[in-house]
């Protein structure tokens, strides 16, 4: 399972697309989006954004000084010879549509980036594309006019390792954290942070052998087992934050500002990396305290 779930919404943005059928569970199932994959729903919506750009530039400006959009597309992006550019719009549109709908994921993103970069008439904007990318939980978004990964491979590796933990508590809570981020209809950043904290709490209880204490208490005990004091204190401060901010671990009060997706993503990635560090550093203690258990 890859980190498909890291995506939407940002604070102040509109909520993800919700239709009658999806709310009732009859719409297309949520598909985890991998960085190197483009599901059909995403292709459909991106083509709807790109089609007007391709059509306008071809029909209005082919053969004029403004034909650079088409020639750069054919020469630098597609690496096709210029004499193969279809002069008839239906053939031209059909060729590009085939790439977006059926081509490799990176070819479709190449065309998308070209549209955003070379559309001098502002038919398409990075902001409009990013709304669709976030809505469909894509692993890429525009920064300026360049597509960049939302989550880099190092972060993905950290979360995947945590998801593969041999400890049920860590694995289950981290899975639930990602599910909270990945629910397209009702993403829940608050619960994602809560579950990430619960994963760490479960892990530190296993290391210390204290099955009742909170994360703040177990982190204090880990200082006596070799965890560097400032390191432990840093995580105690983050734990305190989850108790005090945004109704993360307690009921929402009037005036509470709920965490947004970026905040939750940062927390889940960081908690995953910390869990992996603790699992490696205290492997002996974990083995001792879990011996004889399933």
C-alpha atoms as a PDB file:
ATOM      1  CA  UNK A   1       0.000   0.000   0.000  1.00  0.00           C
ATOM      2  CA  UNK A   2       1.491   3.312  -1.067  1.00  0.00           C
ATOM      3  CA  UNK A   3       0.721   6.727   0.236  1.00  0.00           C
ATOM      4  CA  UNK A   4      -2.118   7.430  -2.046  1.00  0.00           C
ATOM      5  CA  UNK A   5      -4.048   9.222   0.551  1.00  0.00           C
ATOM      6  CA  UNK A   6      -2.074  12.398   1.007  1.00  0.00           C
ATOM      7  CA  UNK A   7      -3.962  15.156  -0.692  1.00  0.00           C
ATOM      8  CA  UNK A   8      -7.041  17.305   0.110  1.00  0.00           C
ATOM      9  CA  UNK A   9      -8.393  19.729   1.223  1.00  0.00           C
ATOM     10  CA  UNK A  10      -6.187  22.685   2.075  1.00  0.00           C
ATOM     11  CA  UNK A  11      -7.506  25.136   4.602  1.00  0.00           C
ATOM     12  CA  UNK A  12     -10.167  27.356   3.101  1.00  0.00           C
ATOM     13  CA  UNK A  13     -10.619  25.233  -0.029  1.00  0.00           C
ATOM     14  CA  UNK A  14     -13.925  23.810  -1.190  1.00  0.00           C
ATOM     15  CA  UNK A  15     -14.555  20.195  -0.077  1.00  0.00           C
ATOM     16  CA  UNK A  16     -13.932  17.299  -2.476  1.00  0.00           C
ATOM     17  CA  UNK A  17     -16.487  16.526  -5.138  1.00  0.00           C
ATOM     18  CA  UNK A  18     -19.439  14.645  -3.633  1.00  0.00           C
ATOM     19  CA  UNK A  19     -22.304  13.254  -5.686  1.00  0.00           C
ATOM     20  CA  UNK A  20     -25.532  11.554  -4.684  1.00  0.00           C
ATOM     21  CA  UNK A  21     -24.310   8.122  -5.790  1.00  0.00           C
ATOM     22  CA  UNK A  22     -20.960   8.473  -4.038  1.00  0.00           C
ATOM     23  CA  UNK A  23     -22.540   9.555  -0.791  1.00  0.00           C
ATOM     24  CA  UNK A  24     -24.683   6.421  -0.900  1.00  0.00           C
ATOM     25  CA  UNK A  25     -21.705   4.230  -1.737  1.00  0.00           C
ATOM     26  CA  UNK A  26     -22.765   3.448  -5.316  1.00  0.00           C
ATOM     27  CA  UNK A  27     -20.209   5.607  -7.097  1.00  0.00           C
ATOM     28  CA  UNK A  28     -16.720   4.508  -8.134  1.00  0.00           C
ATOM     29  CA  UNK A  29     -14.714   3.124  -5.241  1.00  0.00           C
ATOM     30  CA  UNK A  30     -11.874   5.179  -3.836  1.00  0.00           C
ATOM     31  CA  UNK A  31      -8.744   4.283  -5.783  1.00  0.00           C
ATOM     32  CA  UNK A  32      -5.367   4.738  -4.074  1.00  0.00           C
ATOM     33  CA  UNK A  33      -3.267   7.021  -6.249  1.00  0.00           C
ATOM     34  CA  UNK A  34       0.355   6.061  -6.670  1.00  0.00           C
ATOM     35  CA  UNK A  35       2.903   8.675  -7.789  1.00  0.00           C
ATOM     36  CA  UNK A  36       3.445   6.802 -11.052  1.00  0.00           C
ATOM     37  CA  UNK A  37      -0.165   6.094 -11.931  1.00  0.00           C
ATOM     38  CA  UNK A  38      -3.113   7.988 -13.396  1.00  0.00           C
ATOM     39  CA  UNK A  39      -6.586   6.449 -12.923  1.00  0.00           C
ATOM     40  CA  UNK A  40      -9.303   6.968 -15.512  1.00  0.00           C
ATOM     41  CA  UNK A  41     -11.316   9.439 -13.420  1.00  0.00           C
ATOM     42  CA  UNK A  42      -8.296  11.722 -13.170  1.00  0.00           C
ATOM     43  CA  UNK A  43      -7.562  11.380 -16.900  1.00  0.00           C
ATOM     44  CA  UNK A  44     -11.156  12.308 -17.720  1.00  0.00           C
ATOM     45  CA  UNK A  45     -11.133  15.455 -15.644  1.00  0.00           C
ATOM     46  CA  UNK A  46      -7.692  16.614 -16.759  1.00  0.00           C
ATOM     47  CA  UNK A  47      -8.644  16.153 -20.410  1.00  0.00           C
ATOM     48  CA  UNK A  48     -11.697  18.339 -19.831  1.00  0.00           C
ATOM     49  CA  UNK A  49      -9.297  21.087 -18.744  1.00  0.00           C
ATOM     50  CA  UNK A  50      -6.787  20.525 -21.556  1.00  0.00           C
ATOM     51  CA  UNK A  51      -9.190  20.093 -24.465  1.00  0.00           C
ATOM     52  CA  UNK A  52     -10.199  23.784 -24.778  1.00  0.00           C
ATOM     53  CA  UNK A  53      -6.537  24.820 -24.722  1.00  0.00           C
ATOM     54  CA  UNK A  54      -5.512  22.440 -27.484  1.00  0.00           C
ATOM     55  CA  UNK A  55      -8.564  23.255 -29.607  1.00  0.00           C
ATOM     56  CA  UNK A  56      -8.257  27.033 -29.276  1.00  0.00           C
ATOM     57  CA  UNK A  57      -4.577  27.199 -30.135  1.00  0.00           C
ATOM     58  CA  UNK A  58      -4.960  24.900 -33.133  1.00  0.00           C
ATOM     59  CA  UNK A  59      -8.117  26.333 -34.660  1.00  0.00           C
ATOM     60  CA  UNK A  60      -7.374  30.030 -34.163  1.00  0.00           C
ATOM     61  CA  UNK A  61      -3.653  30.360 -34.594  1.00  0.00           C
ATOM     62  CA  UNK A  62      -2.312  27.503 -36.718  1.00  0.00           C
ATOM     63  CA  UNK A  63      -0.189  28.993 -39.501  1.00  0.00           C
ATOM     64  CA  UNK A  64       0.295  32.323 -37.702  1.00  0.00           C
ATOM     65  CA  UNK A  65       3.079  33.736 -35.551  1.00  0.00           C
ATOM     66  CA  UNK A  66       1.278  32.293 -32.543  1.00  0.00           C
ATOM     67  CA  UNK A  67       1.632  28.665 -33.653  1.00  0.00           C
ATOM     68  CA  UNK A  68       4.513  28.129 -31.221  1.00  0.00           C
ATOM     69  CA  UNK A  69       2.167  26.370 -28.804  1.00  0.00           C
ATOM     70  CA  UNK A  70       1.616  23.586 -31.339  1.00  0.00           C
ATOM     71  CA  UNK A  71       5.153  23.364 -32.703  1.00  0.00           C
ATOM     72  CA  UNK A  72       6.769  23.261 -29.253  1.00  0.00           C
ATOM     73  CA  UNK A  73       4.255  20.625 -28.205  1.00  0.00           C
ATOM     74  CA  UNK A  74       5.049  18.427 -31.181  1.00  0.00           C
ATOM     75  CA  UNK A  75       8.818  18.943 -31.218  1.00  0.00           C
ATOM     76  CA  UNK A  76       9.891  19.285 -27.575  1.00  0.00           C
ATOM     77  CA  UNK A  77       7.163  17.433 -25.684  1.00  0.00           C
ATOM     78  CA  UNK A  78       6.043  14.665 -28.031  1.00  0.00           C
ATOM     79  CA  UNK A  79       9.362  14.415 -29.916  1.00  0.00           C
ATOM     80  CA  UNK A  80       7.453  13.984 -33.169  1.00  0.00           C
ATOM     81  CA  UNK A  81       8.496  15.443 -36.530  1.00  0.00           C
ATOM     82  CA  UNK A  82       6.688  18.670 -37.362  1.00  0.00           C
ATOM     83  CA  UNK A  83       5.426  17.381 -40.708  1.00  0.00           C
ATOM     84  CA  UNK A  84       3.202  14.917 -38.822  1.00  0.00           C
ATOM     85  CA  UNK A  85       1.130  17.616 -37.105  1.00  0.00           C
ATOM     86  CA  UNK A  86      -2.489  17.015 -38.184  1.00  0.00           C
ATOM     87  CA  UNK A  87      -3.861  20.073 -39.970  1.00  0.00           C
ATOM     88  CA  UNK A  88      -7.443  19.031 -39.331  1.00  0.00           C
ATOM     89  CA  UNK A  89      -8.593  19.757 -35.827  1.00  0.00           C
ATOM     90  CA  UNK A  90     -10.497  16.479 -35.209  1.00  0.00           C
ATOM     91  CA  UNK A  91      -7.389  14.440 -36.037  1.00  0.00           C
ATOM     92  CA  UNK A  92      -5.189  16.708 -33.941  1.00  0.00           C
ATOM     93  CA  UNK A  93      -7.540  16.606 -30.941  1.00  0.00           C
ATOM     94  CA  UNK A  94      -8.083  12.874 -31.324  1.00  0.00           C
ATOM     95  CA  UNK A  95      -4.344  12.196 -31.279  1.00  0.00           C
ATOM     96  CA  UNK A  96      -3.783  14.216 -28.101  1.00  0.00           C
ATOM     97  CA  UNK A  97      -6.873  12.784 -26.436  1.00  0.00           C
ATOM     98  CA  UNK A  98      -5.536   9.299 -27.062  1.00  0.00           C
ATOM     99  CA  UNK A  99      -2.341  10.168 -25.204  1.00  0.00           C
ATOM    100  CA  UNK A 100      -4.176  11.596 -22.202  1.00  0.00           C
ATOM    101  CA  UNK A 101      -6.746   8.805 -22.027  1.00  0.00           C
ATOM    102  CA  UNK A 102      -4.625   5.787 -22.943  1.00  0.00           C
ATOM    103  CA  UNK A 103      -0.964   6.809 -22.825  1.00  0.00           C
ATOM    104  CA  UNK A 104       1.574   6.481 -20.051  1.00  0.00           C
ATOM    105  CA  UNK A 105       0.830   8.526 -16.946  1.00  0.00           C
ATOM    106  CA  UNK A 106       3.920  10.690 -17.501  1.00  0.00           C
ATOM    107  CA  UNK A 107       2.887  11.490 -21.088  1.00  0.00           C
ATOM    108  CA  UNK A 108      -0.432  12.806 -19.851  1.00  0.00           C
ATOM    109  CA  UNK A 109       1.339  14.944 -17.271  1.00  0.00           C
ATOM    110  CA  UNK A 110       3.723  16.194 -19.987  1.00  0.00           C
ATOM    111  CA  UNK A 111       0.753  17.472 -21.981  1.00  0.00           C
ATOM    112  CA  UNK A 112      -0.818  18.991 -18.881  1.00  0.00           C
ATOM    113  CA  UNK A 113       2.359  20.855 -17.970  1.00  0.00           C
ATOM    114  CA  UNK A 114       2.698  22.100 -21.551  1.00  0.00           C
ATOM    115  CA  UNK A 115      -0.836  23.486 -21.460  1.00  0.00           C
ATOM    116  CA  UNK A 116      -0.210  25.382 -18.252  1.00  0.00           C
ATOM    117  CA  UNK A 117       3.249  26.632 -19.296  1.00  0.00           C
ATOM    118  CA  UNK A 118       2.497  27.728 -22.877  1.00  0.00           C
ATOM    119  CA  UNK A 119      -1.140  28.853 -22.733  1.00  0.00           C
ATOM    120  CA  UNK A 120      -0.636  32.574 -23.305  1.00  0.00           C
ATOM    121  CA  UNK A 121      -4.389  33.206 -23.293  1.00  0.00           C
ATOM    122  CA  UNK A 122      -4.940  31.939 -19.748  1.00  0.00           C
ATOM    123  CA  UNK A 123      -7.544  29.375 -20.735  1.00  0.00           C
ATOM    124  CA  UNK A 124      -6.128  27.075 -18.081  1.00  0.00           C
ATOM    125  CA  UNK A 125      -4.514  27.980 -14.764  1.00  0.00           C
ATOM    126  CA  UNK A 126      -2.364  26.097 -12.230  1.00  0.00           C
ATOM    127  CA  UNK A 127      -4.968  26.864  -9.586  1.00  0.00           C
ATOM    128  CA  UNK A 128      -7.768  25.238 -11.590  1.00  0.00           C
ATOM    129  CA  UNK A 129      -5.643  22.172 -12.280  1.00  0.00           C
ATOM    130  CA  UNK A 130      -4.570  21.890  -8.653  1.00  0.00           C
ATOM    131  CA  UNK A 131      -8.209  21.835  -7.548  1.00  0.00           C
ATOM    132  CA  UNK A 132      -8.774  18.777  -9.723  1.00  0.00           C
ATOM    133  CA  UNK A 133      -5.501  17.143  -8.656  1.00  0.00           C
ATOM    134  CA  UNK A 134      -6.368  17.596  -4.995  1.00  0.00           C
ATOM    135  CA  UNK A 135      -9.932  16.431  -5.524  1.00  0.00           C
ATOM    136  CA  UNK A 136      -8.729  13.229  -7.193  1.00  0.00           C
ATOM    137  CA  UNK A 137      -5.936  12.705  -4.620  1.00  0.00           C
ATOM    138  CA  UNK A 138      -3.197  12.900  -7.248  1.00  0.00           C
ATOM    139  CA  UNK A 139       0.403  12.619  -6.094  1.00  0.00           C
ATOM    140  CA  UNK A 140       1.444  15.760  -8.010  1.00  0.00           C
ATOM    141  CA  UNK A 141       0.490  19.415  -8.054  1.00  0.00           C
ATOM    142  CA  UNK A 142       1.656  22.654  -9.615  1.00  0.00           C
ATOM    143  CA  UNK A 143       4.070  24.955  -7.887  1.00  0.00           C
ATOM    144  CA  UNK A 144       4.165  27.947 -10.166  1.00  0.00           C
ATOM    145  CA  UNK A 145       3.918  26.322 -13.587  1.00  0.00           C
ATOM    146  CA  UNK A 146       5.792  23.125 -12.785  1.00  0.00           C
ATOM    147  CA  UNK A 147       4.382  19.833 -11.565  1.00  0.00           C
ATOM    148  CA  UNK A 148       6.077  18.613  -8.406  1.00  0.00           C
ATOM    149  CA  UNK A 149       5.405  15.602  -6.156  1.00  0.00           C
ATOM    150  CA  UNK A 150       3.280  16.242  -3.097  1.00  0.00           C
ATOM    151  CA  UNK A 151       5.123  13.547  -1.177  1.00  0.00           C
ATOM    152  CA  UNK A 152       8.697  12.675  -2.034  1.00  0.00           C
ATOM    153  CA  UNK A 153      10.032   9.088  -2.142  1.00  0.00           C
ATOM    154  CA  UNK A 154      11.711   9.402   1.263  1.00  0.00           C
ATOM    155  CA  UNK A 155       8.420  10.308   2.914  1.00  0.00           C
ATOM    156  CA  UNK A 156       6.632   7.518   1.075  1.00  0.00           C
ATOM    157  CA  UNK A 157       9.246   5.008   2.215  1.00  0.00           C
ATOM    158  CA  UNK A 158       8.857   6.125   5.840  1.00  0.00           C
ATOM    159  CA  UNK A 159       5.105   5.627   5.813  1.00  0.00           C
ATOM    160  CA  UNK A 160       5.282   2.317   3.972  1.00  0.00           C
ATOM    161  CA  UNK A 161       7.730   1.002   6.563  1.00  0.00           C
ATOM    162  CA  UNK A 162       5.418   2.033   9.398  1.00  0.00           C
ATOM    163  CA  UNK A 163       2.490   0.354   7.646  1.00  0.00           C
ATOM    164  CA  UNK A 164       4.494  -2.873   7.512  1.00  0.00           C
ATOM    165  CA  UNK A 165       5.241  -2.840  11.251  1.00  0.00           C
ATOM    166  CA  UNK A 166       5.071  -6.275  12.912  1.00  0.00           C
ATOM    167  CA  UNK A 167       3.290  -4.618  15.839  1.00  0.00           C
ATOM    168  CA  UNK A 168      -0.478  -4.657  15.430  1.00  0.00           C
ATOM    169  CA  UNK A 169      -0.999  -1.390  17.270  1.00  0.00           C
ATOM    170  CA  UNK A 170       1.387   0.558  15.057  1.00  0.00           C
ATOM    171  CA  UNK A 171       0.169  -0.991  11.835  1.00  0.00           C
ATOM    172  CA  UNK A 172      -3.541  -0.619  12.589  1.00  0.00           C
ATOM    173  CA  UNK A 173      -3.346   2.976  13.809  1.00  0.00           C
ATOM    174  CA  UNK A 174      -1.132   4.096  10.910  1.00  0.00           C
ATOM    175  CA  UNK A 175      -3.503   2.448   8.453  1.00  0.00           C
ATOM    176  CA  UNK A 176      -6.407   4.293  10.037  1.00  0.00           C
ATOM    177  CA  UNK A 177      -4.439   7.544   9.890  1.00  0.00           C
ATOM    178  CA  UNK A 178      -3.979   7.148   6.145  1.00  0.00           C
ATOM    179  CA  UNK A 179      -7.590   6.109   5.680  1.00  0.00           C
ATOM    180  CA  UNK A 180      -8.632   9.346   7.376  1.00  0.00           C
ATOM    181  CA  UNK A 181      -6.541  11.321   4.907  1.00  0.00           C
ATOM    182  CA  UNK A 182      -7.598   9.253   1.920  1.00  0.00           C
ATOM    183  CA  UNK A 183     -11.373   9.329   2.297  1.00  0.00           C
ATOM    184  CA  UNK A 184     -12.272  11.415  -0.748  1.00  0.00           C
ATOM    185  CA  UNK A 185     -15.762  12.170   0.490  1.00  0.00           C
ATOM    186  CA  UNK A 186     -14.858  13.063   4.072  1.00  0.00           C
ATOM    187  CA  UNK A 187     -11.125  13.554   4.603  1.00  0.00           C
ATOM    188  CA  UNK A 188     -10.411  13.844   8.314  1.00  0.00           C
ATOM    189  CA  UNK A 189      -7.036  15.497   9.080  1.00  0.00           C
ATOM    190  CA  UNK A 190      -7.912  15.700  12.786  1.00  0.00           C
ATOM    191  CA  UNK A 191      -8.400  11.953  13.104  1.00  0.00           C
ATOM    192  CA  UNK A 192      -5.307  11.268  11.000  1.00  0.00           C
ATOM    193  CA  UNK A 193      -3.158  13.093  13.545  1.00  0.00           C
ATOM    194  CA  UNK A 194      -4.951  11.365  16.423  1.00  0.00           C
ATOM    195  CA  UNK A 195      -4.320   7.918  14.914  1.00  0.00           C
ATOM    196  CA  UNK A 196      -0.652   8.716  14.242  1.00  0.00           C
ATOM    197  CA  UNK A 197      -0.248   9.651  17.915  1.00  0.00           C
ATOM    198  CA  UNK A 198      -2.018   6.421  18.915  1.00  0.00           C
ATOM    199  CA  UNK A 199       0.444   4.447  16.790  1.00  0.00           C
ATOM    200  CA  UNK A 200       3.366   6.028  18.620  1.00  0.00           C
ATOM    201  CA  UNK A 201       1.663   5.510  21.964  1.00  0.00           C
ATOM    202  CA  UNK A 202       1.183   1.815  21.205  1.00  0.00           C
ATOM    203  CA  UNK A 203       4.808   1.466  20.142  1.00  0.00           C
ATOM    204  CA  UNK A 204       6.287   3.240  23.160  1.00  0.00           C
ATOM    205  CA  UNK A 205       4.111   1.192  25.501  1.00  0.00           C
ATOM    206  CA  UNK A 206       5.568  -1.922  23.939  1.00  0.00           C
ATOM    207  CA  UNK A 207       9.127  -0.649  24.337  1.00  0.00           C
ATOM    208  CA  UNK A 208       8.694   0.397  27.979  1.00  0.00           C
ATOM    209  CA  UNK A 209       6.463  -2.508  28.964  1.00  0.00           C
ATOM    210  CA  UNK A 210       3.968   0.005  30.345  1.00  0.00           C
ATOM    211  CA  UNK A 211       0.631  -0.800  28.742  1.00  0.00           C
ATOM    212  CA  UNK A 212      -1.386   1.893  30.518  1.00  0.00           C
ATOM    213  CA  UNK A 213       0.498   5.172  30.235  1.00  0.00           C
ATOM    214  CA  UNK A 214       0.046   7.960  27.695  1.00  0.00           C
ATOM    215  CA  UNK A 215       2.668   8.890  25.117  1.00  0.00           C
ATOM    216  CA  UNK A 216       3.900  11.748  27.276  1.00  0.00           C
ATOM    217  CA  UNK A 217       4.680   9.358  30.139  1.00  0.00           C
ATOM    218  CA  UNK A 218       6.253   6.666  27.976  1.00  0.00           C
ATOM    219  CA  UNK A 219       8.494   9.205  26.241  1.00  0.00           C
ATOM    220  CA  UNK A 220       9.737  10.296  29.653  1.00  0.00           C
ATOM    221  CA  UNK A 221      10.504   6.664  30.489  1.00  0.00           C
ATOM    222  CA  UNK A 222      12.368   6.227  27.216  1.00  0.00           C
ATOM    223  CA  UNK A 223      14.857   8.867  28.338  1.00  0.00           C
ATOM    224  CA  UNK A 224      15.958   6.381  30.983  1.00  0.00           C
ATOM    225  CA  UNK A 225      16.284   3.716  28.304  1.00  0.00           C
ATOM    226  CA  UNK A 226      18.629   5.724  26.129  1.00  0.00           C
ATOM    227  CA  UNK A 227      16.463   8.091  24.092  1.00  0.00           C
ATOM    228  CA  UNK A 228      18.214  11.462  23.853  1.00  0.00           C
ATOM    229  CA  UNK A 229      16.515  13.952  26.159  1.00  0.00           C
ATOM    230  CA  UNK A 230      15.988  16.789  23.662  1.00  0.00           C
ATOM    231  CA  UNK A 231      14.673  14.329  21.115  1.00  0.00           C
ATOM    232  CA  UNK A 232      12.141  12.978  23.606  1.00  0.00           C
ATOM    233  CA  UNK A 233      11.185  16.481  24.720  1.00  0.00           C
ATOM    234  CA  UNK A 234      10.541  17.505  21.127  1.00  0.00           C
ATOM    235  CA  UNK A 235       8.017  14.733  20.727  1.00  0.00           C
ATOM    236  CA  UNK A 236       6.494  15.494  24.113  1.00  0.00           C
ATOM    237  CA  UNK A 237       5.882  19.026  22.835  1.00  0.00           C
ATOM    238  CA  UNK A 238       4.161  17.655  19.726  1.00  0.00           C
ATOM    239  CA  UNK A 239       2.061  15.372  21.913  1.00  0.00           C
ATOM    240  CA  UNK A 240       1.088  18.351  24.071  1.00  0.00           C
ATOM    241  CA  UNK A 241       0.095  20.190  20.905  1.00  0.00           C
ATOM    242  CA  UNK A 242      -2.318  17.390  19.947  1.00  0.00           C
ATOM    243  CA  UNK A 243      -3.935  17.673  23.367  1.00  0.00           C
ATOM    244  CA  UNK A 244      -4.360  21.434  23.170  1.00  0.00           C
ATOM    245  CA  UNK A 245      -4.850  22.396  19.511  1.00  0.00           C
ATOM    246  CA  UNK A 246      -7.663  21.923  17.053  1.00  0.00           C
ATOM    247  CA  UNK A 247      -9.672  19.442  19.121  1.00  0.00           C
ATOM    248  CA  UNK A 248      -7.358  16.690  17.886  1.00  0.00           C
ATOM    249  CA  UNK A 249      -7.604  14.412  20.906  1.00  0.00           C
ATOM    250  CA  UNK A 250     -10.549  16.016  22.680  1.00  0.00           C
ATOM    251  CA  UNK A 251     -13.939  17.469  21.854  1.00  0.00           C
ATOM    252  CA  UNK A 252     -14.141  20.565  19.685  1.00  0.00           C
ATOM    253  CA  UNK A 253     -14.747  23.827  21.498  1.00  0.00           C
ATOM    254  CA  UNK A 254     -16.004  27.133  20.122  1.00  0.00           C
ATOM    255  CA  UNK A 255     -13.146  28.921  18.388  1.00  0.00           C
ATOM    256  CA  UNK A 256     -11.021  25.826  17.799  1.00  0.00           C
ATOM    257  CA  UNK A 257      -9.224  25.911  14.449  1.00  0.00           C
ATOM    258  CA  UNK A 258      -9.186  22.395  13.043  1.00  0.00           C
ATOM    259  CA  UNK A 259      -5.973  21.118  11.437  1.00  0.00           C
ATOM    260  CA  UNK A 260      -5.841  21.152   7.647  1.00  0.00           C
ATOM    261  CA  UNK A 261      -4.519  18.494   5.293  1.00  0.00           C
ATOM    262  CA  UNK A 262      -0.995  19.911   5.068  1.00  0.00           C
ATOM    263  CA  UNK A 263      -0.702  19.831   8.850  1.00  0.00           C
ATOM    264  CA  UNK A 264      -1.953  16.252   8.992  1.00  0.00           C
ATOM    265  CA  UNK A 265       0.371  15.134   6.187  1.00  0.00           C
ATOM    266  CA  UNK A 266       3.365  16.596   8.004  1.00  0.00           C
ATOM    267  CA  UNK A 267       2.357  14.884  11.223  1.00  0.00           C
ATOM    268  CA  UNK A 268       1.691  11.466   9.682  1.00  0.00           C
ATOM    269  CA  UNK A 269       4.980  11.459   7.772  1.00  0.00           C
ATOM    270  CA  UNK A 270       6.964  12.609  10.813  1.00  0.00           C
ATOM    271  CA  UNK A 271       5.251  10.124  13.141  1.00  0.00           C
ATOM    272  CA  UNK A 272       5.981   7.320  10.671  1.00  0.00           C
ATOM    273  CA  UNK A 273       9.664   8.206  10.556  1.00  0.00           C
ATOM    274  CA  UNK A 274       9.826   8.407  14.352  1.00  0.00           C
ATOM    275  CA  UNK A 275       8.073   5.043  14.709  1.00  0.00           C
ATOM    276  CA  UNK A 276      10.606   3.482  12.332  1.00  0.00           C
ATOM    277  CA  UNK A 277      13.461   5.013  14.312  1.00  0.00           C
ATOM    278  CA  UNK A 278      12.129   3.707  17.625  1.00  0.00           C
ATOM    279  CA  UNK A 279      11.479   0.259  16.171  1.00  0.00           C
ATOM    280  CA  UNK A 280      15.081  -0.013  15.009  1.00  0.00           C
ATOM    281  CA  UNK A 281      16.662   1.614  18.060  1.00  0.00           C
ATOM    282  CA  UNK A 282      14.723  -0.421  20.614  1.00  0.00           C
ATOM    283  CA  UNK A 283      14.431  -3.695  18.677  1.00  0.00           C
ATOM    284  CA  UNK A 284      15.771  -5.688  21.635  1.00  0.00           C
ATOM    285  CA  UNK A 285      13.222  -4.257  24.057  1.00  0.00           C
ATOM    286  CA  UNK A 286      10.391  -4.830  21.577  1.00  0.00           C
ATOM    287  CA  UNK A 287      11.421  -8.450  21.043  1.00  0.00           C
ATOM    288  CA  UNK A 288      11.627  -9.022  24.775  1.00  0.00           C
ATOM    289  CA  UNK A 289       8.255  -7.448  25.564  1.00  0.00           C
ATOM    290  CA  UNK A 290       6.440  -9.177  22.714  1.00  0.00           C
ATOM    291  CA  UNK A 291       7.900 -12.644  23.154  1.00  0.00           C
ATOM    292  CA  UNK A 292       5.154 -15.196  23.594  1.00  0.00           C
ATOM    293  CA  UNK A 293       2.533 -12.863  22.111  1.00  0.00           C
ATOM    294  CA  UNK A 294       0.929 -13.031  18.671  1.00  0.00           C
END
